[in-house]
Amino acid sequence: MSLNMKKVYQVIMKDGLRDYRYLNSKIKPINYSEENKGFIAGFRSKEMLHSSKGFIMTSYEALLDNQDNLTHWTPNPYITLSYKDSARLHVQGHEEEKIRQINTFVIDIDDRTVNENDILLACLDLGFTPTLVLKTDRGYQVYFVLKNPVYVTAKSGFKSLKVAKKVAISLKNALNKTLPVDMLCNDFGICRFPTSKNIEFFEASFLYDFSSLLTWSLKQSDNETNSNAKMILRKSPNRQIDEPWFDMLLHQSDVKGSRGIMGRNNITLTLALAMYSSGQSKETCLFNLTEFNARLAIPLKESELNRTIESAYSGKYEGAKRSYIINLCQEWVANDLEAKDLFKTSSWYKFKKQRSERKNSHLKEWREDIVEYLRETTDTVKSHIRITRKQLIAALNIPSATLSRLMNSLEKDRFFQIERFMGQDGGYRLALTQNVVVNELKAKKKESKEVLATYLGSTDMELLVNSPAKSTKQIGLFELDTG
């Protein structure tokens, strides 16, 4: 893919970096001055990343000079970074509360069995497309870049950061329904560095308004809570330490630290949070986790254990997150564990009947069937299928009169493209609009906004892509009580 990499970095970083090096610039004009901006960290290999062996950059000049040697970076700049040693080899300070601004949400997909087309289709199902998709050693990373950065300040109690984390979680949860998303990946931490060799998809015009993403995120939460097609939950009075998962993790000794946040550090923090939320004293927590740590083949240092417990009891967190618990138990206890094995929750489930058991199927259910059929018979390369009416009736096992009503309904549905053919062999030319959209986006047959508008409709386009200035005002947004 032929790309102007400077433009790619500017789209992501925005005003987070200076134009030129503060000292020793080779290209800065004489007497040129600019204000200090953000700090980012760069790493030349994954091995160096794991030991924090990297370097600090504060300008586009430095970023472009080093682009050929970078494998990882921090796309959301920090207020400051520093070196922990006199040799200036190891970077420190890249912590969430030191973030200067949030430029992008990055979703990590640790599975090479999917491809960029699958990712674009999954995103279109949510109603928008990523700004950038890049390939990694183990899968892909997906960037949703903001039109305007969200600035993080201590004065507001880091409220902007907390709200942004809720949006990040909503994005992960929504995409995780169809893609193998790494749910434990740091929301605003270190990411794979984009290069001309690893970028699979990039569209500079797909920039998102944060307030609209927040609105979408809140709707997602409401849908999860109120969906009557899923379980109706009754809150459990049980403490987290009484749940089955707690004992499973507490007595798991085969946990390593080489897997970063999915290893012993994350389990230790999760157990500590469970004890904190269950009303256990810090002394009780320390006693139990000291025993847990002693059982590990490679235990944490005492100072690190104490620091983790202090963090859990700091009041920043309410308790261990359900999604993290499930992922940790599947990773370290047994990969076939399900929520019902891990939590004591009284639930009632409503299951849809099989097609053969339904007496009167609604058009919505037939719509789901034809979507499934088109997903099996078409893709982003072969986006259309031509089929006779008789063949379609047989394929869906649908009554003729119902098919007529279904097609009349789908012709008004922007998620389908339907062309009718009359005559003895009359039938249809059918496509899922999302397949056509991905094909055109990748082939650059039309302007990207025009292509996306075909799928989303003009209203949603105004909300999400390059929204008008009035909706991008960030002041006051974080004064809202978002829960």
Protein backbone atom coordinates (compact mmCIF):
# COMPACT_ATOMS: atom_id res chain seq x y z
CA MET A 1 0.00 0.00 0.00
CA SER A 2 1.47 3.34 -1.11
CA LEU A 3 1.04 5.78 1.75
CA ASN A 4 2.31 9.16 2.86
CA MET A 5 3.43 8.04 6.31
CA LYS A 6 3.85 11.58 7.59
CA LYS A 7 0.16 12.14 6.88
CA VAL A 8 -0.75 8.89 8.65
CA TYR A 9 1.13 9.97 11.79
CA GLN A 10 -0.34 13.47 11.70
CA VAL A 11 -3.87 12.10 11.39
CA ILE A 12 -3.30 10.01 14.50
CA MET A 13 -1.12 12.31 16.61
CA LYS A 14 -2.70 15.69 15.77
CA ASP A 15 -1.26 18.46 17.99
CA GLY A 16 0.36 15.95 20.35
CA LEU A 17 3.92 16.58 19.06
CA ARG A 18 6.06 19.55 18.13
CA ASP A 19 7.03 19.90 14.48
CA TYR A 20 10.77 19.96 15.14
CA ARG A 21 13.22 18.66 17.72
CA TYR A 22 13.76 21.03 20.61
CA LEU A 23 17.53 20.52 20.35
CA ASN A 24 19.75 19.38 17.49
CA SER A 25 17.13 19.76 14.80
CA LYS A 26 18.42 19.36 11.26
CA ILE A 27 15.50 21.08 9.58
CA LYS A 28 14.05 23.66 12.00
CA PRO A 29 14.02 27.19 10.51
CA ILE A 30 16.24 29.77 12.18
CA ASN A 31 14.55 31.63 15.06
CA TYR A 32 11.56 29.26 14.85
CA SER A 33 9.86 28.64 18.19
CA GLU A 34 6.90 26.52 19.27
CA GLU A 35 5.32 25.54 22.55
CA ASN A 36 6.02 22.29 24.33
CA LYS A 37 3.53 19.54 23.59
CA GLY A 38 3.34 15.83 24.33
CA PHE A 39 5.83 13.01 24.91
CA ILE A 40 5.62 9.57 23.30
CA ALA A 41 7.70 6.43 23.74
CA GLY A 42 9.11 4.34 20.92
CA PHE A 43 10.47 0.78 20.98
CA ARG A 44 12.59 -1.06 18.40
CA SER A 45 11.45 -4.61 19.21
CA LYS A 46 8.97 -6.52 21.35
CA GLU A 47 11.85 -7.81 23.49
CA MET A 48 12.98 -4.25 24.20
CA LEU A 49 9.39 -3.28 24.94
CA HIS A 50 9.09 -5.95 27.63
CA SER A 51 12.12 -4.53 29.43
CA SER A 52 11.01 -0.89 28.85
CA LYS A 53 14.11 -0.36 26.74
CA GLY A 54 13.07 2.43 24.41
CA PHE A 55 13.43 6.13 23.75
CA ILE A 56 11.40 9.32 24.08
CA MET A 57 10.18 11.50 21.19
CA THR A 58 8.55 14.91 21.35
CA SER A 59 8.44 15.92 17.67
CA TYR A 60 7.33 14.77 14.24
CA GLU A 61 10.92 15.25 13.10
CA ALA A 62 12.15 12.61 15.57
CA LEU A 63 9.23 10.31 14.74
CA LEU A 64 9.91 10.41 11.00
CA ASP A 65 13.66 9.98 11.49
CA ASN A 66 13.05 6.79 13.50
CA GLN A 67 10.05 5.33 11.64
CA ASP A 68 12.05 2.62 9.87
CA ASN A 69 13.32 1.19 13.16
CA LEU A 70 10.19 1.29 15.32
CA THR A 71 7.93 -1.66 16.15
CA HIS A 72 5.84 -0.11 18.96
CA TRP A 73 4.81 3.34 20.15
CA THR A 74 2.33 5.21 22.36
CA PRO A 75 -0.14 6.97 20.01
CA ASN A 76 -1.79 8.81 22.90
CA PRO A 77 0.88 11.29 24.13
CA TYR A 78 1.86 11.82 27.76
CA ILE A 79 2.36 15.03 29.69
CA THR A 80 5.94 13.94 30.31
CA LEU A 81 8.17 10.87 30.14
CA SER A 82 11.63 10.24 31.51
CA TYR A 83 14.48 7.73 31.57
CA LYS A 84 14.95 5.58 34.65
CA ASP A 85 18.71 5.17 34.15
CA SER A 86 21.64 7.50 33.51
CA ALA A 87 22.41 5.71 30.23
CA ARG A 88 18.97 6.82 28.97
CA LEU A 89 18.01 3.34 27.81
CA HIS A 90 14.86 2.56 29.79
CA VAL A 91 11.69 4.66 29.59
CA GLN A 92 9.40 5.30 32.54
CA GLY A 93 6.24 7.28 33.21
CA HIS A 94 3.90 5.84 30.57
CA GLU A 95 0.97 5.51 32.97
CA GLU A 96 -2.66 6.29 32.21
CA GLU A 97 -2.92 9.21 34.62
CA LYS A 98 -0.01 10.92 32.87
CA ILE A 99 -1.71 10.87 29.46
CA ARG A 100 -1.90 14.34 27.92
CA GLN A 101 -4.54 13.60 25.30
CA ILE A 102 -6.46 10.71 23.79
CA ASN A 103 -6.15 10.65 20.02
CA THR A 104 -7.32 7.16 19.19
CA PHE A 105 -8.95 3.99 20.46
CA VAL A 106 -7.00 0.87 19.51
CA ILE A 107 -8.51 -2.62 19.49
CA ASP A 108 -6.17 -5.62 19.56
CA ILE A 109 -7.16 -8.81 17.73
CA ASP A 110 -4.87 -11.74 18.54
CA ASP A 111 -5.90 -14.13 15.77
CA ARG A 112 -4.54 -14.46 12.24
CA THR A 113 -7.44 -16.66 11.12
CA VAL A 114 -9.45 -13.48 10.53
CA ASN A 115 -8.45 -10.92 7.90
CA GLU A 116 -8.94 -7.22 7.32
CA ASN A 117 -12.18 -7.87 5.40
CA ASP A 118 -13.65 -9.65 8.43
CA ILE A 119 -12.65 -6.69 10.58
CA LEU A 120 -14.19 -4.11 8.24
CA LEU A 121 -17.41 -6.13 8.04
CA ALA A 122 -17.61 -6.45 11.82
CA CYS A 123 -17.09 -2.70 12.20
CA LEU A 124 -19.75 -1.95 9.60
CA ASP A 125 -22.15 -4.05 11.66
CA LEU A 126 -21.58 -1.52 14.46
CA GLY A 127 -22.32 1.34 12.07
CA PHE A 128 -18.86 2.72 11.30
CA THR A 129 -15.45 1.77 9.95
CA PRO A 130 -11.96 2.06 11.42
CA THR A 131 -9.51 4.74 10.43
CA LEU A 132 -6.65 2.25 10.20
CA VAL A 133 -6.13 -1.52 10.32
CA LEU A 134 -2.60 -2.87 10.65
CA LYS A 135 -1.24 -6.40 10.75
CA THR A 136 0.76 -7.66 13.73
CA ASP A 137 2.72 -10.84 14.40
CA ARG A 138 -0.31 -12.42 16.08
CA GLY A 139 -3.23 -10.69 14.37
CA TYR A 140 -4.35 -7.11 13.83
CA GLN A 141 -4.74 -3.77 15.57
CA VAL A 142 -7.67 -1.52 14.69
CA TYR A 143 -7.47 2.26 15.15
CA PHE A 144 -10.56 4.45 15.60
CA VAL A 145 -9.05 7.94 15.45
CA LEU A 146 -10.82 10.97 16.92
CA LYS A 147 -11.40 14.13 14.91
CA ASN A 148 -10.42 16.22 17.92
CA PRO A 149 -8.31 14.89 20.81
CA VAL A 150 -9.75 14.45 24.29
CA TYR A 151 -7.50 16.24 26.78
CA VAL A 152 -6.88 14.63 30.16
CA THR A 153 -6.49 16.80 33.25
CA ALA A 154 -5.98 16.05 36.93
CA LYS A 155 -8.13 19.08 37.80
CA SER A 156 -11.28 17.27 36.61
CA GLY A 157 -10.34 14.13 38.54
CA PHE A 158 -9.34 12.45 35.27
CA LYS A 159 -13.02 12.32 34.36
CA SER A 160 -12.27 12.51 30.63
CA LEU A 161 -10.04 9.45 30.96
CA LYS A 162 -12.71 7.52 32.86
CA VAL A 163 -15.36 8.35 30.26
CA ALA A 164 -13.00 7.41 27.41
CA LYS A 165 -12.33 4.05 29.08
CA LYS A 166 -16.06 3.35 29.06
CA VAL A 167 -16.14 4.00 25.32
CA ALA A 168 -13.10 1.74 24.84
CA ILE A 169 -14.81 -1.07 26.77
CA SER A 170 -17.99 -0.67 24.69
CA LEU A 171 -15.97 -0.91 21.47
CA LYS A 172 -14.22 -4.06 22.70
CA ASN A 173 -17.45 -5.69 23.87
CA ALA A 174 -19.28 -4.90 20.64
CA LEU A 175 -16.51 -6.19 18.37
CA ASN A 176 -15.86 -9.20 20.60
CA LYS A 177 -19.25 -10.60 19.57
CA THR A 178 -17.87 -11.38 16.11
CA LEU A 179 -14.08 -11.02 16.41
CA PRO A 180 -11.48 -12.52 18.81
CA VAL A 181 -10.73 -9.24 20.61
CA ASP A 182 -8.07 -9.15 23.32
CA MET A 183 -10.28 -7.88 26.15
CA LEU A 184 -7.33 -7.44 28.52
CA CYS A 185 -5.28 -5.18 26.26
CA ASN A 186 -4.46 -1.80 27.82
CA ASP A 187 -6.97 0.75 26.52
CA PHE A 188 -4.52 3.62 25.98
CA GLY A 189 -1.08 2.08 26.27
CA ILE A 190 1.61 0.81 23.92
CA CYS A 191 0.54 -0.24 20.42
CA ARG A 192 2.08 -1.65 17.28
CA PHE A 193 3.72 1.10 15.22
CA PRO A 194 2.08 1.73 11.80
CA THR A 195 4.39 1.38 8.79
CA SER A 196 3.88 1.21 5.04
CA LYS A 197 4.50 -2.55 5.29
CA ASN A 198 1.98 -3.47 7.98
CA ILE A 199 -0.97 -1.16 7.18
CA GLU A 200 -3.81 -3.13 5.56
CA PHE A 201 -6.38 -0.34 5.45
CA PHE A 202 -6.22 3.42 6.00
CA GLU A 203 -8.76 6.16 5.38
CA ALA A 204 -7.85 9.61 6.67
CA SER A 205 -11.40 10.92 6.40
CA PHE A 206 -12.82 8.41 8.90
CA LEU A 207 -12.36 10.49 12.03
CA TYR A 208 -14.82 10.23 14.90
CA ASP A 209 -16.52 12.74 17.14
CA PHE A 210 -15.97 11.75 20.75
CA SER A 211 -19.30 12.95 22.10
CA SER A 212 -21.07 10.87 19.44
CA LEU A 213 -19.01 7.80 20.32
CA LEU A 214 -19.98 8.36 23.96
CA THR A 215 -23.66 8.50 23.00
CA TRP A 216 -23.24 5.29 21.01
CA SER A 217 -21.46 3.67 23.97
CA LEU A 218 -24.29 4.54 26.36
CA LYS A 219 -26.82 3.08 23.92
CA GLN A 220 -24.75 -0.10 23.74
CA SER A 221 -24.88 -0.38 27.53
CA ASP A 222 -28.65 0.17 27.51
CA ASN A 223 -29.09 -2.49 24.82
CA GLU A 224 -27.08 -5.00 26.84
CA THR A 225 -29.19 -4.30 29.92
CA ASN A 226 -32.62 -4.20 28.30
CA SER A 227 -32.39 -6.77 25.52
CA ASN A 228 -35.37 -9.10 26.00
CA ALA A 229 -33.91 -11.63 23.58
CA LYS A 230 -31.24 -12.44 26.14
CA MET A 231 -31.33 -13.28 29.83
CA ILE A 232 -33.20 -11.27 32.44
CA LEU A 233 -30.80 -10.93 35.35
CA ARG A 234 -31.51 -10.52 39.03
CA LYS A 235 -28.65 -9.05 41.06
CA SER A 236 -26.82 -11.57 43.15
CA PRO A 237 -26.23 -10.71 46.80
CA ASN A 238 -23.03 -12.78 46.84
CA ARG A 239 -19.66 -11.19 47.43
CA GLN A 240 -17.03 -11.64 44.72
CA ILE A 241 -14.89 -13.74 47.06
CA ASP A 242 -17.80 -16.22 47.32
CA GLU A 243 -17.93 -16.78 43.57
CA PRO A 244 -16.41 -20.01 42.14
CA TRP A 245 -13.94 -18.10 39.98
CA PHE A 246 -12.23 -16.58 43.03
CA ASP A 247 -11.12 -19.96 44.42
CA MET A 248 -10.10 -21.13 40.95
CA LEU A 249 -7.69 -18.22 40.48
CA LEU A 250 -6.54 -18.08 44.10
CA HIS A 251 -5.34 -21.69 43.97
CA GLN A 252 -3.87 -21.54 40.48
CA SER A 253 -0.09 -21.80 40.71
CA ASP A 254 0.87 -22.26 37.05
CA VAL A 255 0.80 -18.57 36.16
CA LYS A 256 3.66 -16.77 34.46
CA GLY A 257 4.52 -13.14 34.00
CA SER A 258 5.73 -13.32 30.43
CA ARG A 259 2.28 -12.70 29.06
CA GLY A 260 2.18 -9.16 30.37
CA ILE A 261 -1.17 -7.97 31.69
CA MET A 262 -2.73 -11.41 31.20
CA GLY A 263 -0.33 -13.00 33.66
CA ARG A 264 0.33 -13.02 37.38
CA ASN A 265 0.11 -9.22 37.78
CA ASN A 266 -3.41 -9.10 36.41
CA ILE A 267 -4.59 -12.11 38.43
CA THR A 268 -3.11 -10.60 41.60
CA LEU A 269 -4.88 -7.29 41.00
CA THR A 270 -8.16 -9.07 40.17
CA LEU A 271 -8.04 -11.11 43.39
CA ALA A 272 -7.18 -8.00 45.40
CA LEU A 273 -10.08 -6.07 43.87
CA ALA A 274 -12.45 -8.93 44.71
CA MET A 275 -11.36 -8.82 48.34
CA TYR A 276 -11.63 -5.04 48.45
CA SER A 277 -15.15 -5.04 46.96
CA SER A 278 -16.16 -7.83 49.37
CA GLY A 279 -15.25 -5.73 52.39
CA GLN A 280 -12.09 -7.62 53.40
CA SER A 281 -9.39 -5.69 55.23
CA LYS A 282 -6.12 -4.86 53.54
CA GLU A 283 -4.34 -7.09 56.08
CA THR A 284 -6.53 -10.07 55.16
CA CYS A 285 -5.86 -9.39 51.49
CA LEU A 286 -2.11 -9.20 52.04
CA PHE A 287 -2.11 -12.48 54.00
CA ASN A 288 -4.04 -14.40 51.31
CA LEU A 289 -2.15 -12.96 48.35
CA THR A 290 1.20 -13.53 50.02
CA GLU A 291 0.30 -17.21 50.19
CA PHE A 292 -0.91 -17.14 46.58
CA ASN A 293 2.31 -15.46 45.48
CA ALA A 294 4.43 -18.04 47.32
CA ARG A 295 2.76 -20.82 45.33
CA LEU A 296 3.79 -19.30 42.00
CA ALA A 297 6.80 -20.78 40.20
CA ILE A 298 8.05 -17.24 39.57
CA PRO A 299 6.49 -15.05 42.29
CA LEU A 300 6.17 -11.31 42.24
CA LYS A 301 8.62 -9.23 44.21
CA GLU A 302 7.30 -8.25 47.61
CA SER A 303 7.34 -4.58 46.67
CA GLU A 304 5.32 -5.29 43.51
CA LEU A 305 2.77 -7.35 45.45
CA ASN A 306 2.35 -4.56 48.00
CA ARG A 307 2.01 -1.96 45.23
CA THR A 308 -0.71 -4.03 43.53
CA ILE A 309 -2.70 -4.35 46.76
CA GLU A 310 -2.36 -0.62 47.43
CA SER A 311 -3.70 0.05 43.95
CA ALA A 312 -6.69 -2.24 44.50
CA TYR A 313 -7.51 -0.54 47.81
CA SER A 314 -6.96 3.00 46.49
CA GLY A 315 -10.66 3.57 45.83
CA LYS A 316 -10.16 4.01 42.09
CA TYR A 317 -11.92 0.73 41.32
CA GLU A 318 -15.21 -0.78 42.46
CA GLY A 319 -14.28 -4.43 42.01
CA ALA A 320 -12.97 -7.03 39.58
CA LYS A 321 -14.50 -6.78 36.11
CA ARG A 322 -16.61 -9.68 34.91
CA SER A 323 -15.12 -9.67 31.39
CA TYR A 324 -11.56 -9.74 32.79
CA ILE A 325 -12.45 -12.58 35.15
CA ILE A 326 -13.81 -14.73 32.33
CA ASN A 327 -10.76 -14.12 30.14
CA LEU A 328 -8.31 -14.84 32.97
CA CYS A 329 -10.04 -18.08 33.95
CA GLN A 330 -10.17 -19.26 30.34
CA GLU A 331 -6.49 -18.40 29.92
CA TRP A 332 -5.10 -19.90 33.12
CA VAL A 333 -7.63 -22.40 34.52
CA ALA A 334 -9.48 -24.04 31.59
CA ASN A 335 -10.27 -22.63 28.17
CA ASP A 336 -13.75 -24.19 28.09
CA LEU A 337 -14.99 -22.42 31.21
CA GLU A 338 -18.15 -20.37 30.78
CA ALA A 339 -19.82 -17.66 32.84
CA LYS A 340 -22.21 -20.17 34.39
CA ASP A 341 -19.18 -22.06 35.76
CA LEU A 342 -17.65 -18.96 37.30
CA PHE A 343 -20.48 -16.91 38.81
CA LYS A 344 -23.36 -17.58 41.21
CA THR A 345 -26.14 -15.71 39.44
CA SER A 346 -29.87 -16.41 39.36
CA SER A 347 -30.86 -16.06 35.71
CA TRP A 348 -33.67 -16.83 33.38
CA TYR A 349 -33.02 -17.38 29.68
CA LYS A 350 -35.28 -16.91 26.69
CA PHE A 351 -34.21 -18.97 23.70
CA LYS A 352 -35.54 -18.54 20.19
CA LYS A 353 -37.24 -21.63 18.80
CA GLN A 354 -35.73 -23.53 15.91
CA ARG A 355 -37.17 -22.63 12.52
CA SER A 356 -38.89 -26.03 12.24
CA GLU A 357 -40.71 -25.38 15.53
CA ARG A 358 -42.10 -21.98 14.59
CA LYS A 359 -45.66 -21.79 13.37
CA ASN A 360 -45.75 -18.13 12.38
CA SER A 361 -42.30 -16.72 11.59
CA HIS A 362 -42.02 -12.95 11.52
CA LEU A 363 -40.29 -11.10 8.70
CA LYS A 364 -37.51 -10.17 11.13
CA GLU A 365 -36.65 -13.84 11.55
CA TRP A 366 -36.72 -14.46 7.79
CA ARG A 367 -34.45 -11.44 7.40
CA GLU A 368 -31.93 -13.11 9.73
CA ASP A 369 -32.11 -16.26 7.60
CA ILE A 370 -31.44 -14.47 4.33
CA VAL A 371 -28.53 -12.56 5.95
CA GLU A 372 -27.03 -15.88 7.02
CA TYR A 373 -27.58 -17.33 3.53
CA LEU A 374 -25.88 -14.37 1.83
CA ARG A 375 -22.95 -14.53 4.23
CA GLU A 376 -22.43 -18.15 3.23
CA THR A 377 -22.75 -17.56 -0.53
CA THR A 378 -21.11 -14.13 -1.00
CA ASP A 379 -18.13 -12.20 0.33
CA THR A 380 -16.33 -8.90 -0.21
CA VAL A 381 -14.83 -10.12 -3.50
CA LYS A 382 -17.89 -11.86 -4.94
CA SER A 383 -20.41 -9.50 -3.37
CA HIS A 384 -23.50 -10.39 -5.48
CA ILE A 385 -25.36 -13.61 -6.21
CA ARG A 386 -27.98 -14.17 -8.91
CA ILE A 387 -30.63 -16.72 -7.96
CA THR A 388 -34.06 -17.72 -9.25
CA ARG A 389 -37.10 -17.26 -7.07
CA LYS A 390 -37.61 -21.03 -6.99
CA GLN A 391 -34.02 -21.63 -5.82
CA LEU A 392 -34.34 -19.02 -3.08
CA ILE A 393 -37.59 -20.54 -1.81
CA ALA A 394 -35.85 -23.91 -1.59
CA ALA A 395 -32.70 -22.51 0.02
CA LEU A 396 -34.62 -20.67 2.78
CA ASN A 397 -37.51 -23.15 3.06
CA ILE A 398 -39.82 -20.14 2.90
CA PRO A 399 -43.42 -19.93 1.63
CA SER A 400 -43.79 -18.10 -1.70
CA ALA A 401 -46.15 -15.47 -0.33
CA THR A 402 -43.84 -14.79 2.60
CA LEU A 403 -40.88 -14.37 0.24
CA SER A 404 -42.81 -11.72 -1.69
CA ARG A 405 -43.50 -9.80 1.53
CA LEU A 406 -39.88 -10.23 2.64
CA MET A 407 -38.45 -8.88 -0.63
CA ASN A 408 -40.79 -5.87 -0.57
CA SER A 409 -39.52 -5.16 2.94
CA LEU A 410 -35.84 -5.64 2.10
CA GLU A 411 -35.99 -3.29 -0.89
CA LYS A 412 -36.42 -0.46 1.64
CA ASP A 413 -33.58 -1.80 3.84
CA ARG A 414 -30.26 -0.08 3.09
CA PHE A 415 -28.34 -3.11 4.32
CA PHE A 416 -29.38 -5.05 1.22
CA GLN A 417 -29.00 -4.51 -2.52
CA ILE A 418 -31.76 -6.18 -4.52
CA GLU A 419 -32.38 -6.27 -8.26
CA ARG A 420 -35.39 -8.18 -9.64
CA PHE A 421 -35.54 -10.19 -12.87
CA MET A 422 -38.85 -11.08 -14.51
CA GLY A 423 -39.74 -13.95 -16.87
CA GLN A 424 -39.76 -17.72 -16.69
CA ASP A 425 -36.42 -17.82 -14.88
CA GLY A 426 -37.16 -14.68 -12.92
CA GLY A 427 -35.43 -14.10 -9.64
CA TYR A 428 -33.07 -11.75 -7.88
CA ARG A 429 -29.56 -10.35 -7.87
CA LEU A 430 -28.75 -10.04 -4.16
CA ALA A 431 -25.96 -8.58 -2.05
CA LEU A 432 -25.27 -7.46 1.48
CA THR A 433 -24.44 -3.77 1.23
CA GLN A 434 -21.59 -4.22 3.69
CA ASN A 435 -19.79 -6.57 1.27
CA VAL A 436 -20.17 -4.04 -1.53
CA VAL A 437 -18.97 -1.23 0.74
CA VAL A 438 -15.82 -3.09 1.80
CA ASN A 439 -15.08 -3.95 -1.84
CA GLU A 440 -15.40 -0.31 -2.90
CA LEU A 441 -13.50 1.03 0.11
CA LYS A 442 -10.52 -1.20 -0.62
CA ALA A 443 -10.67 -0.64 -4.37
CA LYS A 444 -11.07 3.14 -3.88
CA LYS A 445 -13.76 3.16 -6.57
CA LYS A 446 -15.50 6.13 -4.94
CA GLU A 447 -14.87 8.76 -2.30
CA SER A 448 -14.76 6.95 1.06
CA LYS A 449 -17.42 9.13 2.65
CA GLU A 450 -19.77 8.50 -0.26
CA VAL A 451 -19.24 4.75 0.06
CA LEU A 452 -19.85 4.75 3.81
CA ALA A 453 -22.92 6.95 3.45
CA THR A 454 -24.44 4.25 1.23
CA TYR A 455 -24.33 1.92 4.19
CA LEU A 456 -24.84 4.18 7.19
CA GLY A 457 -27.20 6.75 5.77
CA SER A 458 -26.62 10.49 5.93
CA THR A 459 -27.84 10.90 9.52
CA ASP A 460 -25.36 8.47 11.06
CA MET A 461 -22.60 9.86 8.85
CA GLU A 462 -23.14 13.32 10.32
CA LEU A 463 -22.98 11.86 13.82
CA LEU A 464 -19.80 9.86 13.44
CA VAL A 465 -17.63 10.88 10.52
CA ASN A 466 -16.22 14.39 10.46
CA SER A 467 -19.09 15.77 12.52
CA PRO A 468 -19.83 19.50 12.34
CA ALA A 469 -17.88 21.66 14.72
CA LYS A 470 -20.82 22.26 17.06
CA SER A 471 -20.84 18.61 18.14
CA THR A 472 -17.10 18.36 18.76
CA LYS A 473 -16.97 20.85 21.60
CA GLN A 474 -15.21 19.04 24.43
CA ILE A 475 -15.69 21.58 27.22
CA GLY A 476 -18.49 20.64 29.57
CA LEU A 477 -18.80 17.12 28.20
CA PHE A 478 -17.06 15.66 31.22
CA GLU A 479 -19.19 17.63 33.65
CA LEU A 480 -21.99 15.16 32.85
CA ASP A 481 -22.64 12.42 35.38
CA THR A 482 -22.00 9.32 33.27
CA GLY A 483 -22.19 6.83 36.09
